[in-house]
Protein backbone atom coordinates (compact mmCIF):
# COMPACT_ATOMS: atom_id res chain seq x y z
CA MET A 1 0.42 -0.11 0.04
CA TYR A 2 1.31 3.51 -0.83
CA ASP A 3 2.00 5.41 2.31
CA VAL A 4 3.21 8.97 1.21
CA MET A 5 3.54 9.73 5.05
CA SER A 6 6.10 7.27 5.72
CA ILE A 7 7.70 8.47 2.36
CA ARG A 8 7.83 11.89 3.36
CA ASN A 9 9.91 10.91 6.39
CA ASP A 10 12.92 9.82 4.05
CA PHE A 11 13.38 13.26 3.08
CA PRO A 12 14.94 15.91 5.03
CA MET A 13 14.02 19.22 3.12
CA LEU A 14 10.95 18.41 4.13
CA LYS A 15 11.70 17.99 7.83
CA ASN A 16 13.79 21.01 7.80
CA HIS A 17 11.09 23.17 6.01
CA PRO A 18 7.77 21.67 7.78
CA ASP A 19 5.89 24.60 6.58
CA MET A 20 7.12 24.33 2.88
CA ILE A 21 4.80 23.20 0.04
CA PHE A 22 7.11 22.01 -2.60
CA PHE A 23 5.13 21.71 -6.01
CA ASP A 24 8.21 22.01 -8.09
CA SER A 25 9.59 18.69 -8.61
CA GLY A 26 9.21 19.16 -12.32
CA ALA A 27 12.42 21.50 -12.20
CA THR A 28 14.12 19.27 -9.61
CA SER A 29 12.63 16.59 -6.81
CA LEU A 30 14.11 16.57 -3.52
CA LYS A 31 16.19 13.94 -2.62
CA PRO A 32 15.90 10.73 0.47
CA GLN A 33 18.35 10.24 2.56
CA CYS A 34 19.62 7.15 0.92
CA VAL A 35 20.72 9.19 -2.19
CA ILE A 36 22.15 11.77 0.44
CA ASP A 37 23.96 8.72 1.88
CA ALA A 38 25.31 7.33 -0.86
CA VAL A 39 26.65 10.64 -1.97
CA THR A 40 28.20 11.10 1.24
CA ARG A 41 29.77 7.69 1.83
CA PHE A 42 31.68 8.36 -1.44
CA TYR A 43 32.97 11.49 0.23
CA THR A 44 33.74 10.13 3.41
CA GLU A 45 34.37 6.52 3.05
CA ASP A 46 35.22 5.64 -0.75
CA THR A 47 36.64 8.74 -2.41
CA ALA A 48 38.55 7.43 -5.56
CA ASN A 49 38.56 7.40 -9.20
CA ILE A 50 36.99 4.63 -11.44
CA HIS A 51 38.61 1.90 -13.79
CA ARG A 52 41.84 3.58 -12.75
CA GLY A 53 43.15 2.68 -9.19
CA ASP A 54 44.95 -0.73 -8.55
CA TYR A 55 43.65 -0.64 -4.95
CA ASP A 56 40.98 -1.70 -3.04
CA ILE A 57 38.74 1.10 -2.54
CA SER A 58 39.14 2.12 -6.48
CA PHE A 59 38.13 -1.34 -6.98
CA LYS A 60 34.87 -1.16 -4.73
CA VAL A 61 33.94 2.21 -6.15
CA SER A 62 34.28 1.32 -9.91
CA LYS A 63 32.15 -2.38 -9.02
CA GLU A 64 29.31 -0.31 -7.78
CA TYR A 65 29.66 2.56 -10.49
CA ASP A 66 29.22 -0.54 -13.04
CA GLU A 67 26.51 -1.85 -11.07
CA THR A 68 24.43 1.34 -11.74
CA ARG A 69 24.39 0.46 -15.29
CA GLU A 70 22.81 -2.95 -14.69
CA VAL A 71 20.21 -1.28 -12.16
CA LEU A 72 18.99 1.23 -14.97
CA ARG A 73 18.97 -1.93 -17.37
CA LYS A 74 16.41 -3.57 -15.15
CA PHE A 75 14.60 0.05 -14.50
CA LEU A 76 14.05 0.51 -18.29
CA ASN A 77 13.81 -2.73 -19.28
CA ALA A 78 16.62 -2.42 -22.08
CA ARG A 79 18.21 -5.31 -23.36
CA LYS A 80 21.77 -5.10 -22.18
CA ALA A 81 23.27 -2.87 -19.63
CA GLU A 82 25.85 -1.33 -22.60
CA GLU A 83 22.92 0.05 -23.73
CA ILE A 84 23.12 2.81 -21.11
CA VAL A 85 25.28 5.96 -21.42
CA PHE A 86 25.98 8.09 -18.45
CA THR A 87 26.13 11.80 -19.15
CA ASN A 88 25.73 15.26 -17.55
CA GLY A 89 21.77 15.32 -17.92
CA ALA A 90 19.24 15.32 -20.09
CA THR A 91 20.68 18.17 -22.07
CA SER A 92 23.81 16.25 -22.48
CA SER A 93 21.98 13.03 -23.68
CA LEU A 94 19.91 15.07 -26.35
CA ASN A 95 22.81 16.96 -27.51
CA THR A 96 24.56 13.60 -28.17
CA VAL A 97 21.93 12.15 -30.30
CA ALA A 98 21.74 15.18 -32.31
CA TYR A 99 25.53 15.70 -32.85
CA GLY A 100 26.36 12.41 -32.80
CA TYR A 101 23.52 10.87 -35.22
CA GLY A 102 21.99 13.87 -36.69
CA LEU A 103 25.10 15.45 -38.03
CA LYS A 104 26.51 12.07 -39.24
CA TYR A 105 23.50 10.88 -40.87
CA LEU A 106 20.75 13.60 -41.86
CA LYS A 107 21.47 15.57 -44.71
CA GLU A 108 19.72 18.37 -47.16
CA GLY A 109 16.06 16.76 -48.03
CA ASP A 110 15.82 14.62 -44.94
CA VAL A 111 13.15 16.18 -42.35
CA ILE A 112 13.15 15.98 -38.37
CA LEU A 113 9.88 15.95 -36.97
CA THR A 114 9.23 17.36 -33.80
CA SER A 115 6.62 19.32 -32.02
CA TYR A 116 5.76 22.76 -30.54
CA ALA A 117 5.62 21.43 -26.94
CA GLU A 118 9.60 20.67 -27.08
CA HIS A 119 11.59 21.85 -24.21
CA ALA A 120 14.85 23.92 -25.46
CA SER A 121 16.67 21.17 -24.74
CA SER A 122 14.91 18.68 -26.92
CA ILE A 123 14.69 21.39 -30.04
CA LEU A 124 17.89 23.70 -29.94
CA PRO A 125 20.41 20.79 -30.71
CA TRP A 126 18.08 20.07 -33.91
CA TYR A 127 18.17 23.70 -35.04
CA THR A 128 22.10 23.56 -35.33
CA VAL A 129 21.73 20.09 -37.41
CA LYS A 130 19.29 22.29 -39.46
CA GLU A 131 22.22 24.59 -40.03
CA LYS A 132 24.64 22.64 -40.62
CA THR A 133 23.29 19.76 -42.69
CA ALA A 134 20.46 21.73 -44.70
CA CYS A 135 18.08 19.22 -43.54
CA ASP A 136 14.67 20.54 -42.68
CA ILE A 137 12.28 20.59 -39.50
CA ILE A 138 8.88 20.46 -39.61
CA PHE A 139 6.27 20.46 -36.53
CA THR A 140 3.71 18.11 -36.38
CA PRO A 141 0.46 19.83 -35.11
CA LEU A 142 -1.14 19.48 -31.97
CA THR A 143 -4.98 19.74 -31.16
CA ASP A 144 -6.14 22.85 -30.01
CA ASP A 145 -5.83 22.24 -26.33
CA GLY A 146 -2.16 20.97 -26.60
CA HIS A 147 -2.80 17.06 -27.09
CA PHE A 148 -0.58 14.97 -29.28
CA ASP A 149 -2.57 14.65 -32.50
CA LEU A 150 -1.96 11.24 -33.99
CA ASP A 151 -3.77 11.64 -37.44
CA ALA A 152 -1.75 14.88 -37.90
CA TYR A 153 1.63 13.15 -37.04
CA LYS A 154 0.80 10.27 -39.75
CA GLU A 155 -0.37 12.80 -42.31
CA CYS A 156 3.40 14.16 -41.56
CA LEU A 157 4.89 11.06 -41.71
CA ASN A 158 3.49 10.34 -45.61
CA LYS A 159 3.80 13.86 -46.79
CA HIS A 160 7.72 14.48 -45.63
CA ASN A 161 10.70 12.57 -45.95
CA VAL A 162 10.95 12.60 -42.40
CA LYS A 163 14.31 10.45 -41.06
CA LEU A 164 14.10 11.37 -37.28
CA VAL A 165 11.19 12.05 -34.97
CA ALA A 166 12.11 13.99 -31.75
CA LEU A 167 8.97 14.26 -29.19
CA PRO A 168 8.81 14.46 -25.50
CA MET A 169 7.43 11.35 -23.53
CA VAL A 170 5.53 14.11 -21.24
CA SER A 171 4.79 17.62 -21.99
CA ASN A 172 6.82 19.53 -19.42
CA VAL A 173 4.17 22.30 -19.42
CA LEU A 174 1.01 20.42 -19.99
CA GLY A 175 1.69 17.15 -18.20
CA TYR A 176 0.18 15.39 -21.22
CA LYS A 177 1.54 12.05 -22.22
CA TYR A 178 2.58 11.37 -25.66
CA PRO A 179 1.67 7.87 -27.32
CA VAL A 180 5.40 6.76 -27.87
CA LYS A 181 4.97 3.42 -28.65
CA GLU A 182 2.44 4.23 -31.38
CA ILE A 183 4.81 7.19 -32.40
CA THR A 184 7.74 4.83 -32.84
CA ARG A 185 6.25 1.98 -34.81
CA LEU A 186 4.79 4.73 -37.49
CA ALA A 187 8.16 6.21 -37.58
CA HIS A 188 10.22 2.90 -38.14
CA GLU A 189 7.31 2.24 -40.86
CA LYS A 190 9.05 5.15 -42.51
CA GLY A 191 12.39 4.27 -41.88
CA ALA A 192 12.71 7.04 -39.42
CA VAL A 193 14.57 6.77 -36.12
CA VAL A 194 13.01 8.08 -33.01
CA SER A 195 14.48 10.21 -29.88
CA ILE A 196 12.42 10.73 -26.82
CA ASP A 197 13.11 13.30 -23.95
CA GLY A 198 12.36 11.33 -21.21
CA ALA A 199 12.64 14.20 -18.75
CA GLN A 200 9.32 14.49 -17.61
CA GLY A 201 8.34 11.12 -18.12
CA VAL A 202 10.95 8.81 -16.70
CA PRO A 203 10.62 9.72 -13.07
CA HIS A 204 7.05 9.26 -13.01
CA CYS A 205 5.54 6.64 -15.50
CA LEU A 206 6.79 3.05 -15.83
CA THR A 207 8.86 2.75 -18.66
CA ASP A 208 9.94 -0.47 -20.73
CA VAL A 209 12.36 0.65 -23.62
CA GLN A 210 11.83 -2.54 -25.41
CA ASP A 211 7.86 -2.17 -25.31
CA LEU A 212 8.21 1.58 -26.47
CA ASP A 213 10.79 0.49 -29.23
CA CYS A 214 12.34 4.07 -29.35
CA ASP A 215 15.83 4.24 -30.56
CA PHE A 216 16.82 7.03 -28.03
CA LEU A 217 15.43 8.13 -24.58
CA SER A 218 16.94 10.73 -22.56
CA PHE A 219 16.56 11.95 -18.89
CA SER A 220 18.11 13.31 -16.00
CA SER A 221 18.74 11.92 -12.38
CA HIS A 222 17.83 15.14 -10.65
CA LYS A 223 14.30 15.10 -11.75
CA MET A 224 14.13 11.42 -10.18
CA LEU A 225 15.31 11.80 -6.81
CA GLY A 226 19.16 11.50 -7.72
CA PRO A 227 21.58 14.26 -7.54
CA GLY A 228 22.25 16.89 -10.18
CA GLY A 229 24.96 16.79 -13.00
CA VAL A 230 24.11 13.33 -13.74
CA GLY A 231 21.85 11.99 -16.91
CA VAL A 232 21.14 8.62 -18.75
CA LEU A 233 21.21 8.18 -22.52
CA TYR A 234 19.54 4.90 -23.47
CA GLY A 235 20.17 3.55 -27.18
CA LYS A 236 20.06 1.08 -28.97
CA GLU A 237 23.25 -0.96 -29.15
CA GLU A 238 23.46 -1.10 -32.86
CA LEU A 239 22.71 2.51 -33.18
CA LEU A 240 25.30 3.55 -30.23
CA THR A 241 27.55 1.70 -32.49
CA GLN A 242 27.26 3.70 -35.29
CA ILE A 243 26.79 7.37 -34.03
CA ASN A 244 30.19 9.93 -33.10
CA THR A 245 31.21 10.89 -29.87
CA LEU A 246 31.05 14.60 -28.79
CA THR A 247 33.99 14.17 -26.09
CA MET A 248 37.67 12.70 -26.60
CA GLY A 249 39.85 11.93 -23.89
CA GLY A 250 40.85 9.69 -21.40
CA GLY A 251 38.95 6.30 -20.72
CA ALA A 252 37.04 6.45 -23.83
CA ASN A 253 39.89 5.55 -26.00
CA ALA A 254 41.48 1.67 -26.43
CA ARG A 255 44.78 3.38 -27.68
CA PHE A 256 46.29 5.93 -29.82
CA ASP A 257 49.78 6.95 -31.60
CA LYS A 258 51.72 9.44 -32.73
CA ASP A 259 50.66 9.08 -36.18
CA PHE A 260 47.17 10.47 -35.13
CA ASN A 261 45.34 6.80 -35.26
CA VAL A 262 42.68 6.57 -32.38
CA ILE A 263 40.50 3.54 -31.80
CA LEU A 264 37.58 3.95 -29.18
CA LYS A 265 36.50 2.01 -26.59
CA ASN A 266 33.02 0.00 -27.24
CA ALA A 267 29.79 1.75 -26.36
CA PRO A 268 28.99 2.95 -23.79
CA ILE A 269 32.69 3.92 -22.46
CA ARG A 270 33.63 5.49 -25.83
CA PHE A 271 30.90 8.37 -24.57
CA GLU A 272 32.09 8.57 -21.22
CA ALA A 273 35.58 10.49 -21.96
CA GLY A 274 37.25 11.79 -18.29
CA THR A 275 36.32 11.44 -14.88
CA PRO A 276 32.41 11.27 -14.32
CA SER A 277 30.43 12.35 -11.87
CA ILE A 278 31.03 8.91 -9.83
CA GLU A 279 29.09 10.30 -6.57
CA GLY A 280 26.34 11.37 -8.96
CA VAL A 281 25.62 7.88 -10.46
CA LEU A 282 26.06 6.19 -7.15
CA GLY A 283 23.50 8.67 -6.03
CA LEU A 284 21.53 7.89 -8.74
CA LYS A 285 21.96 4.08 -8.20
CA ALA A 286 20.25 4.74 -4.60
CA ALA A 287 17.27 6.92 -6.28
CA VAL A 288 16.38 4.23 -8.75
CA GLU A 289 16.69 1.20 -6.30
CA TYR A 290 14.45 3.85 -3.87
CA LEU A 291 11.75 4.25 -6.93
CA MET A 292 11.61 0.28 -7.79
CA ASN A 293 11.23 -0.06 -4.07
CA ILE A 294 8.17 2.00 -3.95
CA GLY A 295 7.33 0.53 -7.37
CA MET A 296 7.13 2.49 -10.43
CA LYS A 297 3.34 1.76 -11.27
CA ASN A 298 2.52 3.30 -7.61
CA VAL A 299 4.33 6.12 -8.26
CA GLU A 300 2.51 6.70 -11.52
CA ALA A 301 -0.59 6.04 -9.97
CA HIS A 302 0.10 8.58 -7.02
CA ASP A 303 1.36 11.28 -9.15
CA LYS A 304 -1.60 11.17 -11.44
CA GLU A 305 -4.41 11.06 -8.24
CA MET A 306 -2.60 14.10 -6.90
CA ALA A 307 -2.54 15.90 -10.09
CA GLU A 308 -5.96 15.19 -11.22
CA TYR A 309 -7.25 16.50 -7.71
CA LEU A 310 -5.32 19.29 -7.77
CA SER A 311 -6.66 20.26 -11.20
CA SER A 312 -10.35 19.47 -9.69
CA GLU A 313 -10.04 21.67 -6.79
CA LEU A 314 -8.38 24.69 -8.85
CA ALA A 315 -11.47 24.29 -11.39
CA LYS A 316 -13.73 25.42 -8.37
CA LEU A 317 -12.18 28.81 -8.38
CA ASP A 318 -13.20 31.72 -10.26
CA ASN A 319 -9.96 33.55 -10.29
CA VAL A 320 -8.13 30.51 -11.94
CA VAL A 321 -7.56 29.68 -15.97
CA ILE A 322 -6.37 25.87 -16.02
CA TYR A 323 -4.33 25.21 -19.44
CA ASN A 324 -4.14 21.36 -18.93
CA PRO A 325 -7.74 20.39 -17.08
CA GLU A 326 -7.16 16.84 -18.44
CA THR A 327 -3.60 16.41 -17.24
CA GLU A 328 -2.28 12.83 -17.29
CA CYS A 329 0.90 12.78 -15.27
CA SER A 330 2.25 15.24 -12.50
CA ILE A 331 1.57 18.68 -13.94
CA VAL A 332 -0.89 21.30 -13.54
CA SER A 333 -0.30 24.70 -15.42
CA PHE A 334 -2.77 27.75 -14.86
CA ASN A 335 -3.09 31.16 -14.27
CA VAL A 336 -4.88 33.65 -11.83
CA LYS A 337 -6.98 36.09 -13.89
CA GLY A 338 -5.36 39.68 -14.34
CA VAL A 339 -2.06 38.45 -12.49
CA PHE A 340 1.17 37.88 -14.10
CA ALA A 341 2.55 34.76 -13.71
CA GLN A 342 5.64 35.73 -11.86
CA ASP A 343 3.72 37.91 -9.49
CA SER A 344 1.46 35.06 -8.30
CA GLY A 345 4.50 33.16 -8.07
CA THR A 346 5.72 35.57 -5.41
CA TYR A 347 2.93 35.83 -3.59
CA LEU A 348 2.75 32.10 -3.59
CA ASN A 349 6.31 31.98 -2.10
CA LYS A 350 5.21 34.77 0.73
CA ASN A 351 3.32 31.59 1.96
CA ASN A 352 5.74 29.36 1.71
CA ILE A 353 5.00 27.65 -1.61
CA CYS A 354 6.90 26.64 -4.29
CA VAL A 355 6.24 26.65 -7.70
CA ARG A 356 7.67 27.63 -10.99
CA THR A 357 6.78 30.45 -13.15
CA GLY A 358 7.43 31.44 -16.83
CA ASN A 359 7.37 29.69 -20.03
CA HIS A 360 9.48 26.74 -18.65
CA CYS A 361 11.86 26.63 -21.39
CA ALA A 362 9.01 25.62 -23.93
CA LYS A 363 9.05 28.63 -25.66
CA LEU A 364 6.96 27.63 -28.81
CA LEU A 365 4.08 26.41 -26.91
CA HIS A 366 2.46 29.32 -26.71
CA ASN A 367 1.64 29.00 -30.53
CA VAL A 368 -0.92 26.29 -29.27
CA ILE A 369 -2.40 27.47 -25.79
CA ASP A 370 -2.04 31.28 -26.94
CA GLU A 371 -0.47 31.95 -23.40
CA ASP A 372 3.55 32.48 -23.28
CA GLN A 373 3.72 32.58 -19.27
CA THR A 374 2.10 30.25 -17.12
CA ILE A 375 2.16 29.05 -12.98
CA ARG A 376 3.47 25.66 -13.23
CA ALA A 377 2.64 23.15 -10.26
CA SER A 378 4.77 19.68 -10.55
CA LEU A 379 3.96 17.15 -7.90
CA TYR A 380 5.69 14.19 -7.03
CA ILE A 381 5.64 11.42 -4.47
CA TYR A 382 5.87 12.86 -1.46
CA ASN A 383 3.04 15.60 -2.15
CA THR A 384 -0.29 14.86 -0.46
CA LYS A 385 -4.02 16.28 -0.70
CA GLU A 386 -3.73 18.23 2.48
CA GLU A 387 -0.54 20.09 0.76
CA ILE A 388 -2.80 20.87 -2.19
CA ASP A 389 -5.78 21.98 -0.20
CA ARG A 390 -3.79 24.67 1.46
CA PHE A 391 -2.31 25.44 -1.70
CA VAL A 392 -5.38 25.81 -3.33
CA LYS A 393 -6.66 28.44 -0.47
CA VAL A 394 -3.64 30.38 -1.12
CA VAL A 395 -4.22 30.39 -4.93
CA SER A 396 -8.11 31.45 -4.16
CA GLU A 397 -6.73 34.60 -2.45
CA ILE A 398 -4.46 35.94 -4.94
CA THR A 399 -5.39 39.37 -6.44
CA LEU A 400 -3.23 42.07 -8.37
CA GLU A 401 -3.32 44.03 -5.11
CA LYS A 402 -1.97 41.19 -2.59
CA CYS A 403 0.56 40.41 -5.33
CA ILE A 404 1.91 44.12 -5.31
CA GLY A 405 1.99 44.11 -1.83
CA ALA A 406 3.79 40.83 -1.72
CA ILE A 407 6.37 42.27 -3.91
CA ILE A 408 6.53 45.35 -2.24
């Protein structure tokens, strides 16, 4: 049984800020004690570089680092641990796909298919690929309320020479899930490769990459209870052997000589040049094991219940406009009528409530929802209906005059 109060006891931030409501997990999540312990243990008991030291502590840390890859393989149901690449974050993972695959294989006349819901990290690298290869970028239309339009997507695939599809698993503003399995199936029928931004999806949804059949999946540690500065790129083995690496350096090469010959190691090591964030990867291991212990189906059900409850309670207020009343994951985006989003955020902050305001790096989405700035409340495993009730009460009290007073 899901026991949210027991889960809350695992998070020191909630103990240290008992009056705080943290509704900004879409930006970064809080960290459970087990993750903090894993990072601290590296610094206090097991500090050593990996795969370089001929001594016990280095052997121990190297073994635990390598075990993290297998933990993530199980978490994603990947075929092999070698399909898991550690990066600096989802942004780094997405850039690896764009520059490692896109710059190598795309050419003039090819089309990248994406949507207006894309986060900057998922779309801007493809802008560079377009500039350097003369390929084109087409935006598949969304429905008027921001849902993915599968019929419009099929039409785009049939009409254009699509070679790569870049879409999110979950919209980071509207919380709508994309039908990744069907998106991938249709793309593969046309010979296109599929890159999925899983930053807002993997932390909240049971993810089976073999079932989804996507070619690449990118996500970050810090949005799923882990440390910052660490990301994951899942890639099918046959594709990882084909794409270029972005960073050259120690650890990634098997050998090089004075005649400028370089032989790289096999994937995933060839993509991990230099000393990685060892403590970050060990913390990610603890975070993933923590989530697996709860069960991702339980995480998904809780997050969906909380978001739906928040949306339904906000809908009762006369002073609120909700942009995703049918939220499917953990995000509710809204505004208070007549009040700029950032001003509402300032008032909420005065009441110890943490949300994000602005365009949330999805700077094309205004083409769909006709609003550039929103308040985003993003929930996670530790949030409760009691917090939502208090949040809604504060939102009901927001007026322009009160916001001005909060700013002054």
